[in-house]
Amino acid sequence: MFCLGVIEESLGSPAVLIRLEPFLFRQRTEKIPGDPSPVWHINEYHVPDDSMAEVVYALEKEIKNGMVCPCL
């Protein structure tokens, strides 16, 4: 099982998240002052090992260029 966090604002099209709905664990919002998107919608997913490759493949096509988590 993988624990995966996705910030909706980091995606070109959040429609890809429909494929992740079966794995949704929780959702929350976070205020990020000074960011072009001042409110982030953060989803946490618990993805089974055998589904992770498919999830990564779907997400990698939608991640916006230049998106870096400020916590890194």
Protein backbone atom coordinates (compact mmCIF):
# COMPACT_ATOMS: atom_id res chain seq x y z
CA MET A 1 0.00 0.00 0.00
CA PHE A 2 1.25 3.47 -0.92
CA CYS A 3 0.19 6.74 0.70
CA LEU A 4 0.00 9.40 -2.01
CA GLY A 5 -0.64 13.13 -1.63
CA VAL A 6 -1.87 15.14 -4.62
CA ILE A 7 -2.31 18.91 -4.73
CA GLU A 8 -5.12 19.53 -7.21
CA GLU A 9 -3.63 22.88 -8.27
CA SER A 10 -0.47 21.09 -9.45
CA LEU A 11 -2.42 19.30 -12.19
CA GLY A 12 -3.18 20.51 -15.67
CA SER A 13 -6.57 18.81 -15.47
CA PRO A 14 -7.92 17.63 -12.13
CA ALA A 15 -10.25 15.30 -14.06
CA VAL A 16 -7.54 12.65 -13.72
CA LEU A 17 -8.49 12.44 -10.03
CA ILE A 18 -11.70 10.66 -10.99
CA ARG A 19 -9.55 7.57 -11.59
CA LEU A 20 -8.22 7.87 -8.03
CA GLU A 21 -11.58 8.18 -6.26
CA PRO A 22 -11.65 4.52 -5.14
CA PHE A 23 -8.42 5.15 -3.21
CA LEU A 24 -9.36 8.49 -1.58
CA PHE A 25 -8.55 8.54 2.13
CA ARG A 26 -9.09 12.22 3.03
CA GLN A 27 -9.19 15.75 1.65
CA ARG A 28 -8.10 19.06 3.12
CA THR A 29 -7.33 22.62 2.11
CA GLU A 30 -4.25 24.65 2.96
CA LYS A 31 -3.76 28.41 2.63
CA ILE A 32 -0.48 29.21 0.86
CA PRO A 33 0.12 32.99 1.00
CA GLY A 34 2.08 34.36 -1.93
CA ASP A 35 1.44 31.34 -4.17
CA PRO A 36 -0.33 31.85 -7.52
CA SER A 37 -2.96 29.46 -6.11
CA PRO A 38 -3.44 30.81 -2.58
CA VAL A 39 -5.59 27.85 -1.50
CA TRP A 40 -4.42 24.31 -2.17
CA HIS A 41 -6.79 21.35 -2.27
CA ILE A 42 -4.79 18.40 -1.00
CA ASN A 43 -6.05 14.85 -1.41
CA GLU A 44 -4.55 11.84 0.31
CA TYR A 45 -4.90 8.45 -1.34
CA HIS A 46 -4.08 4.94 -0.15
CA VAL A 47 -3.18 3.07 -3.31
CA PRO A 48 -2.67 -0.72 -3.40
CA ASP A 49 0.71 -1.89 -4.70
CA ASP A 50 -0.80 -3.44 -7.82
CA SER A 51 -2.49 -0.15 -8.84
CA MET A 52 0.39 2.25 -8.23
CA ALA A 53 2.02 1.99 -11.68
CA GLU A 54 -1.28 2.88 -13.37
CA VAL A 55 -1.82 5.82 -10.99
CA VAL A 56 1.67 7.20 -11.59
CA TYR A 57 1.26 6.87 -15.35
CA ALA A 58 -2.04 8.81 -15.25
CA LEU A 59 -0.68 11.56 -12.98
CA GLU A 60 2.64 12.10 -14.75
CA LYS A 61 0.83 13.33 -17.85
CA GLU A 62 -1.09 15.97 -15.87
CA ILE A 63 1.55 17.47 -13.54
CA LYS A 64 2.25 21.09 -14.45
CA ASN A 65 5.85 21.97 -15.29
CA GLY A 66 7.78 23.69 -12.53
CA MET A 67 5.65 22.43 -9.67
CA VAL A 68 7.81 21.95 -6.60
CA CYS A 69 6.55 21.38 -3.09
CA PRO A 70 7.76 24.23 -0.82
CA CYS A 71 8.36 21.67 1.93
CA LEU A 72 11.28 20.08 0.04
